[in-house]
Every structure is written in C-alpha cells, then in structure tokens.
N, C-alpha and C. Protein backbone atom coordinates (compact mmCIF):
# COMPACT_ATOMS: atom_id res chain seq x y z
N LEU A 1 0.85 -1.19 0.00
CA LEU A 1 0.00 0.00 0.00
C LEU A 1 0.89 1.24 0.00
N LEU A 2 0.70 2.10 -1.00
CA LEU A 2 1.44 3.35 -1.07
C LEU A 2 0.98 4.24 0.07
N GLN A 3 1.94 4.83 0.76
CA GLN A 3 1.56 5.50 1.99
C GLN A 3 2.30 6.82 2.21
N LEU A 4 1.56 7.79 2.73
CA LEU A 4 2.12 9.05 3.21
C LEU A 4 1.74 9.19 4.67
N THR A 5 2.73 9.35 5.52
CA THR A 5 2.49 9.45 6.96
C THR A 5 2.89 10.83 7.44
N GLN A 6 1.92 11.53 7.99
CA GLN A 6 2.12 12.91 8.41
C GLN A 6 2.42 13.01 9.90
N SER A 7 3.13 14.08 10.24
CA SER A 7 3.37 14.42 11.65
C SER A 7 3.51 15.92 11.74
N GLY A 8 3.52 16.41 12.98
CA GLY A 8 3.57 17.85 13.18
C GLY A 8 2.18 18.39 13.43
N GLY A 9 2.03 19.66 13.31
CA GLY A 9 0.75 20.28 13.58
C GLY A 9 0.58 20.55 15.06
N GLY A 10 -0.64 20.95 15.42
CA GLY A 10 -0.92 21.25 16.82
C GLY A 10 -1.61 22.60 16.94
N SER A 11 -1.50 23.16 18.13
CA SER A 11 -2.14 24.44 18.41
C SER A 11 -1.10 25.52 18.64
N VAL A 12 -1.38 26.70 18.11
CA VAL A 12 -0.45 27.81 18.22
C VAL A 12 -1.24 29.11 18.23
N GLN A 13 -0.64 30.15 18.76
CA GLN A 13 -1.28 31.45 18.76
C GLN A 13 -0.99 32.19 17.46
N ILE A 14 -1.79 33.20 17.21
CA ILE A 14 -1.60 34.04 16.02
C ILE A 14 -0.16 34.53 15.97
N GLY A 15 0.42 34.44 14.79
CA GLY A 15 1.80 34.87 14.59
C GLY A 15 2.83 33.79 14.85
N GLY A 16 2.39 32.66 15.36
CA GLY A 16 3.30 31.57 15.66
C GLY A 16 3.69 30.78 14.42
N SER A 17 4.49 29.74 14.65
CA SER A 17 4.99 28.90 13.57
C SER A 17 4.78 27.43 13.89
N LEU A 18 4.63 26.65 12.83
CA LEU A 18 4.55 25.20 12.94
C LEU A 18 5.22 24.60 11.72
N ARG A 19 5.68 23.35 11.85
CA ARG A 19 6.21 22.64 10.70
C ARG A 19 5.55 21.28 10.60
N LEU A 20 5.05 20.99 9.42
CA LEU A 20 4.43 19.70 9.13
C LEU A 20 5.41 18.83 8.35
N SER A 21 5.37 17.54 8.63
CA SER A 21 6.20 16.58 7.91
C SER A 21 5.33 15.51 7.27
N CYS A 22 5.84 14.94 6.21
CA CYS A 22 5.10 13.91 5.48
C CYS A 22 6.13 12.94 4.92
N VAL A 23 6.09 11.70 5.38
CA VAL A 23 7.07 10.69 4.96
C VAL A 23 6.41 9.69 4.04
N ALA A 24 7.04 9.46 2.89
CA ALA A 24 6.51 8.52 1.91
C ALA A 24 7.10 7.14 2.11
N SER A 25 6.28 6.14 1.91
CA SER A 25 6.77 4.76 1.99
C SER A 25 6.09 3.91 0.93
N ARG A 26 6.82 2.91 0.50
CA ARG A 26 6.33 1.92 -0.46
C ARG A 26 6.11 2.49 -1.86
N PHE A 27 6.70 3.64 -2.16
CA PHE A 27 6.74 4.11 -3.54
C PHE A 27 7.94 5.02 -3.71
N SER A 28 8.29 5.27 -4.97
CA SER A 28 9.48 6.04 -5.28
C SER A 28 9.16 7.53 -5.19
N PHE A 29 9.42 8.09 -4.05
CA PHE A 29 9.08 9.49 -3.74
C PHE A 29 9.63 10.46 -4.79
N VAL A 30 10.83 10.20 -5.28
CA VAL A 30 11.49 11.12 -6.19
C VAL A 30 10.72 11.27 -7.51
N SER A 31 9.87 10.33 -7.82
CA SER A 31 9.13 10.36 -9.07
C SER A 31 7.80 11.10 -8.96
N TYR A 32 7.48 11.56 -7.78
CA TYR A 32 6.17 12.14 -7.54
C TYR A 32 6.25 13.64 -7.26
N TYR A 33 5.28 14.34 -7.83
CA TYR A 33 5.05 15.73 -7.49
C TYR A 33 4.27 15.75 -6.17
N MET A 34 4.56 16.73 -5.33
CA MET A 34 3.97 16.75 -4.00
C MET A 34 3.26 18.07 -3.73
N ALA A 35 2.29 18.01 -2.84
CA ALA A 35 1.56 19.22 -2.49
C ALA A 35 1.00 19.10 -1.08
N TRP A 36 0.65 20.25 -0.56
CA TRP A 36 -0.10 20.32 0.70
C TRP A 36 -1.46 20.95 0.41
N PHE A 37 -2.47 20.39 1.02
CA PHE A 37 -3.82 20.92 0.96
C PHE A 37 -4.32 21.10 2.39
N ARG A 38 -5.38 21.85 2.53
CA ARG A 38 -5.98 21.96 3.85
C ARG A 38 -7.50 22.05 3.70
N GLN A 39 -8.17 21.70 4.78
CA GLN A 39 -9.63 21.77 4.80
C GLN A 39 -10.08 22.29 6.14
N ALA A 40 -10.79 23.41 6.12
CA ALA A 40 -11.36 23.98 7.34
C ALA A 40 -12.76 23.41 7.53
N PRO A 41 -13.25 23.40 8.75
CA PRO A 41 -14.59 22.87 9.00
C PRO A 41 -15.64 23.57 8.14
N GLY A 42 -16.44 22.78 7.45
CA GLY A 42 -17.51 23.33 6.63
C GLY A 42 -17.07 23.91 5.31
N LYS A 43 -15.80 23.76 4.99
CA LYS A 43 -15.29 24.32 3.73
C LYS A 43 -14.68 23.22 2.86
N GLU A 44 -14.50 23.53 1.60
CA GLU A 44 -13.90 22.57 0.69
C GLU A 44 -12.38 22.53 0.89
N ARG A 45 -11.81 21.40 0.48
CA ARG A 45 -10.36 21.27 0.54
C ARG A 45 -9.73 22.26 -0.44
N GLU A 46 -8.68 22.93 0.00
CA GLU A 46 -8.03 23.92 -0.85
C GLU A 46 -6.52 23.69 -0.86
N ALA A 47 -5.92 24.12 -1.95
CA ALA A 47 -4.48 23.96 -2.09
C ALA A 47 -3.74 24.95 -1.21
N VAL A 48 -2.57 24.51 -0.76
CA VAL A 48 -1.69 25.38 0.01
C VAL A 48 -0.39 25.61 -0.75
N ALA A 49 0.27 24.52 -1.15
CA ALA A 49 1.56 24.66 -1.82
C ALA A 49 1.86 23.41 -2.64
N PHE A 50 2.71 23.59 -3.63
CA PHE A 50 3.12 22.51 -4.54
C PHE A 50 4.63 22.56 -4.73
N ILE A 51 5.23 21.38 -4.95
CA ILE A 51 6.65 21.33 -5.26
C ILE A 51 6.87 20.21 -6.28
N ASN A 52 7.77 20.45 -7.22
CA ASN A 52 7.98 19.44 -8.26
C ASN A 52 8.90 18.32 -7.75
N THR A 53 9.21 17.39 -8.61
CA THR A 53 9.88 16.17 -8.17
C THR A 53 11.27 16.42 -7.59
N VAL A 54 11.98 17.39 -8.16
CA VAL A 54 13.35 17.63 -7.70
C VAL A 54 13.46 18.84 -6.79
N GLY A 55 12.34 19.46 -6.52
CA GLY A 55 12.32 20.53 -5.54
C GLY A 55 12.77 21.89 -6.03
N VAL A 56 12.82 22.08 -7.35
CA VAL A 56 13.29 23.38 -7.85
C VAL A 56 12.14 24.28 -8.30
N ARG A 57 10.94 23.73 -8.37
CA ARG A 57 9.78 24.52 -8.76
C ARG A 57 8.70 24.37 -7.70
N SER A 58 8.24 25.49 -7.20
CA SER A 58 7.18 25.46 -6.20
C SER A 58 6.16 26.54 -6.49
N MET A 59 4.98 26.35 -5.97
CA MET A 59 3.91 27.33 -6.11
C MET A 59 3.14 27.38 -4.81
N TYR A 60 2.54 28.52 -4.56
CA TYR A 60 1.80 28.72 -3.32
C TYR A 60 0.45 29.35 -3.62
N ALA A 61 -0.53 28.99 -2.82
CA ALA A 61 -1.80 29.68 -2.88
C ALA A 61 -1.60 31.11 -2.37
N ASP A 62 -2.39 32.02 -2.90
CA ASP A 62 -2.21 33.43 -2.55
C ASP A 62 -2.30 33.67 -1.05
N HIS A 63 -3.17 32.93 -0.39
CA HIS A 63 -3.41 33.20 1.02
C HIS A 63 -2.27 32.75 1.93
N VAL A 64 -1.29 32.04 1.41
CA VAL A 64 -0.16 31.63 2.25
C VAL A 64 1.18 32.11 1.70
N ASN A 65 1.15 32.68 0.51
CA ASN A 65 2.39 33.10 -0.14
C ASN A 65 3.15 34.10 0.73
N GLY A 66 4.43 33.81 0.93
CA GLY A 66 5.26 34.66 1.76
C GLY A 66 5.29 34.25 3.22
N ARG A 67 4.39 33.36 3.62
CA ARG A 67 4.34 32.91 5.02
C ARG A 67 4.69 31.42 5.15
N PHE A 68 4.36 30.65 4.14
CA PHE A 68 4.59 29.21 4.17
C PHE A 68 5.70 28.85 3.19
N PHE A 69 6.41 27.75 3.51
CA PHE A 69 7.49 27.30 2.64
C PHE A 69 7.46 25.79 2.53
N ILE A 70 7.36 25.30 1.30
CA ILE A 70 7.34 23.86 1.05
C ILE A 70 8.72 23.40 0.64
N SER A 71 9.12 22.24 1.13
CA SER A 71 10.42 21.69 0.77
C SER A 71 10.36 20.17 0.81
N ARG A 72 11.37 19.56 0.24
CA ARG A 72 11.41 18.09 0.22
C ARG A 72 12.86 17.62 0.24
N ASP A 73 13.05 16.41 0.74
CA ASP A 73 14.35 15.75 0.70
C ASP A 73 14.10 14.36 0.13
N ASN A 74 14.47 14.16 -1.12
CA ASN A 74 14.17 12.90 -1.78
C ASN A 74 14.93 11.72 -1.16
N ALA A 75 16.11 11.97 -0.66
CA ALA A 75 16.86 10.89 -0.02
C ALA A 75 16.15 10.39 1.24
N LYS A 76 15.47 11.29 1.92
CA LYS A 76 14.72 10.92 3.13
C LYS A 76 13.25 10.63 2.86
N GLN A 77 12.85 10.76 1.58
CA GLN A 77 11.45 10.51 1.20
C GLN A 77 10.51 11.36 2.06
N THR A 78 10.89 12.60 2.29
CA THR A 78 10.15 13.45 3.20
C THR A 78 9.81 14.79 2.57
N LEU A 79 8.61 15.24 2.86
CA LEU A 79 8.10 16.54 2.46
C LEU A 79 7.82 17.34 3.72
N TRP A 80 8.07 18.64 3.65
CA TRP A 80 7.78 19.50 4.80
C TRP A 80 6.95 20.71 4.36
N LEU A 81 6.28 21.29 5.34
CA LEU A 81 5.63 22.57 5.16
C LEU A 81 5.94 23.40 6.39
N GLN A 82 6.74 24.43 6.20
CA GLN A 82 7.05 25.39 7.26
C GLN A 82 6.02 26.50 7.20
N MET A 83 5.34 26.72 8.31
CA MET A 83 4.27 27.71 8.35
C MET A 83 4.63 28.77 9.37
N ASP A 84 4.78 29.97 8.91
CA ASP A 84 5.14 31.10 9.78
C ASP A 84 4.03 32.14 9.76
N ASP A 85 4.04 33.01 10.76
CA ASP A 85 3.06 34.09 10.85
C ASP A 85 1.64 33.55 10.67
N LEU A 86 1.33 32.54 11.43
CA LEU A 86 0.04 31.87 11.28
C LEU A 86 -1.11 32.77 11.68
N LYS A 87 -2.21 32.58 10.97
CA LYS A 87 -3.42 33.36 11.19
C LYS A 87 -4.56 32.42 11.57
N VAL A 88 -5.60 32.97 12.16
CA VAL A 88 -6.74 32.15 12.55
C VAL A 88 -7.31 31.41 11.35
N ASP A 89 -7.32 32.05 10.20
CA ASP A 89 -7.86 31.44 8.98
C ASP A 89 -7.01 30.27 8.48
N ASP A 90 -5.84 30.07 9.03
CA ASP A 90 -5.03 28.92 8.65
C ASP A 90 -5.46 27.65 9.38
N THR A 91 -6.37 27.78 10.31
CA THR A 91 -6.87 26.62 11.04
C THR A 91 -7.53 25.62 10.11
N GLY A 92 -7.22 24.35 10.32
CA GLY A 92 -7.83 23.31 9.51
C GLY A 92 -7.04 22.02 9.59
N THR A 93 -7.51 21.06 8.82
CA THR A 93 -6.79 19.80 8.71
C THR A 93 -5.92 19.86 7.45
N TYR A 94 -4.66 19.59 7.61
CA TYR A 94 -3.69 19.69 6.52
C TYR A 94 -3.34 18.30 6.02
N TYR A 95 -3.30 18.18 4.70
CA TYR A 95 -3.01 16.90 4.05
C TYR A 95 -1.84 17.06 3.08
N CYS A 96 -0.92 16.11 3.11
CA CYS A 96 0.05 16.05 2.04
C CYS A 96 -0.49 15.10 0.97
N ALA A 97 -0.06 15.32 -0.26
CA ALA A 97 -0.59 14.53 -1.37
C ALA A 97 0.49 14.36 -2.43
N ALA A 98 0.39 13.26 -3.17
CA ALA A 98 1.37 12.94 -4.20
C ALA A 98 0.67 12.61 -5.51
N ARG A 99 1.32 12.99 -6.61
CA ARG A 99 0.83 12.63 -7.94
C ARG A 99 2.01 12.24 -8.80
N ASP A 100 1.77 11.29 -9.69
CA ASP A 100 2.85 10.83 -10.57
C ASP A 100 2.69 11.35 -11.99
N THR A 101 1.74 12.26 -12.21
CA THR A 101 1.53 12.83 -13.54
C THR A 101 1.98 14.28 -13.55
N TYR A 102 2.54 14.69 -14.68
CA TYR A 102 3.05 16.05 -14.81
C TYR A 102 1.91 17.07 -14.73
N CYS A 103 2.21 18.24 -14.15
CA CYS A 103 1.21 19.31 -14.11
C CYS A 103 1.90 20.64 -14.32
N GLU A 104 1.10 21.61 -14.75
CA GLU A 104 1.60 22.96 -14.92
C GLU A 104 0.60 23.95 -14.34
N GLY A 105 1.11 25.05 -13.86
CA GLY A 105 0.26 26.12 -13.40
C GLY A 105 -0.76 25.69 -12.37
N ASP A 106 -1.95 26.23 -12.52
CA ASP A 106 -3.00 25.99 -11.53
C ASP A 106 -3.39 24.52 -11.40
N ASP A 107 -3.16 23.74 -12.42
CA ASP A 107 -3.48 22.31 -12.33
C ASP A 107 -2.73 21.63 -11.18
N CYS A 108 -1.57 22.15 -10.85
CA CYS A 108 -0.78 21.54 -9.78
C CYS A 108 -1.38 21.82 -8.40
N LEU A 109 -2.32 22.75 -8.36
CA LEU A 109 -2.95 23.11 -7.09
C LEU A 109 -4.38 22.60 -7.00
N LYS A 110 -4.71 21.64 -7.83
CA LYS A 110 -6.04 21.04 -7.82
C LYS A 110 -5.99 19.64 -7.24
N ALA A 111 -6.86 19.36 -6.31
CA ALA A 111 -6.80 18.10 -5.57
C ALA A 111 -7.04 16.88 -6.45
N HIS A 112 -7.84 17.01 -7.51
CA HIS A 112 -8.24 15.83 -8.29
C HIS A 112 -7.07 15.15 -8.97
N GLY A 113 -5.95 15.85 -9.13
CA GLY A 113 -4.82 15.25 -9.81
C GLY A 113 -3.95 14.37 -8.92
N TYR A 114 -4.22 14.36 -7.63
CA TYR A 114 -3.37 13.66 -6.67
C TYR A 114 -3.98 12.31 -6.31
N ASN A 115 -3.14 11.28 -6.30
CA ASN A 115 -3.66 9.94 -6.10
C ASN A 115 -3.19 9.25 -4.82
N ILE A 116 -2.33 9.90 -4.07
CA ILE A 116 -1.92 9.36 -2.77
C ILE A 116 -2.06 10.49 -1.76
N TRP A 117 -2.70 10.19 -0.62
CA TRP A 117 -2.98 11.22 0.38
C TRP A 117 -2.51 10.76 1.75
N GLY A 118 -2.01 11.74 2.52
CA GLY A 118 -1.70 11.49 3.91
C GLY A 118 -2.98 11.43 4.75
N GLN A 119 -2.80 11.09 6.02
CA GLN A 119 -3.96 10.88 6.89
C GLN A 119 -4.53 12.19 7.43
N GLY A 120 -3.81 13.28 7.26
CA GLY A 120 -4.27 14.57 7.76
C GLY A 120 -3.73 14.86 9.14
N THR A 121 -3.49 16.14 9.39
CA THR A 121 -3.03 16.57 10.70
C THR A 121 -3.67 17.91 11.02
N GLN A 122 -4.08 18.08 12.25
CA GLN A 122 -4.83 19.27 12.64
C GLN A 122 -3.89 20.41 12.99
N VAL A 123 -4.23 21.59 12.48
CA VAL A 123 -3.55 22.83 12.84
C VAL A 123 -4.61 23.79 13.36
N THR A 124 -4.39 24.29 14.56
CA THR A 124 -5.33 25.23 15.17
C THR A 124 -4.59 26.49 15.57
N VAL A 125 -5.07 27.61 15.05
CA VAL A 125 -4.47 28.90 15.36
C VAL A 125 -5.50 29.72 16.14
N SER A 126 -5.11 30.20 17.29
CA SER A 126 -6.05 30.92 18.13
C SER A 126 -5.48 32.29 18.52
N SER A 127 -6.39 33.15 18.89
CA SER A 127 -5.99 34.50 19.28
C SER A 127 -5.70 34.58 20.76
C-alpha cells in the first residue's frame, strides 16, 4: 500500500509557527510531485503549496504566499511545510498529497490530480 504518513501540527497562537512533515513509503518518492492541501470545518479542501519532483519549482496559494514554505528531501522521502506568521484562517486539517503525472500552473494546485494522500493533521491557530 502506497503511503504518506504525516506528523507535526498542533495548536499555536496568532503569529506563531509550525512545521508539518510527510514521509513517503512503499513508492518512489522522487518520481512524484507533491503538495499540501488543507480543509477547514464546513469548507472545501483547498491547495496550500506545490513542489515538483526535484524541488526546484514550487507554487503557493495566494493566502499563504510569503508565510509558508514547502520543501522536500528525496533521499529521506520526506516533504515539509514550514508555516510562519500563522493566522486564525489557517486553522484546519492539513493533508500532504502525491501525484505521478506532470502538471503545470494551476493544475498543480487542484486536488483531483493527486492519487496518494496522507492521513491529515490538525492545525489550530487561536488569538
């Protein structure tokens, strides 16, 4: 079973920082494009950030650009999301996701293209 196992998250106050991790197992991580998505209660899942297979191309949703940073280490089969200057609106369940098909532009930030998902981790930002 192809698997993504997430860790990190938790509760933090406005302006704080958190780092999420996502470890891939049972598939060749280096061949997959990776992304982070999040879902707030009562809302649809939305993209947060994307990174290509070798980590040289990344994209961010407007609402996190400049505050969040996506990175990966293919040797460790690990993806990270560094989240700084957190806001209440960043609260939600965060998911890492993998796809083995090429994407460009906004397509890389659409959930339907991803075929492997992590279990989700809760991030709560409070005032």
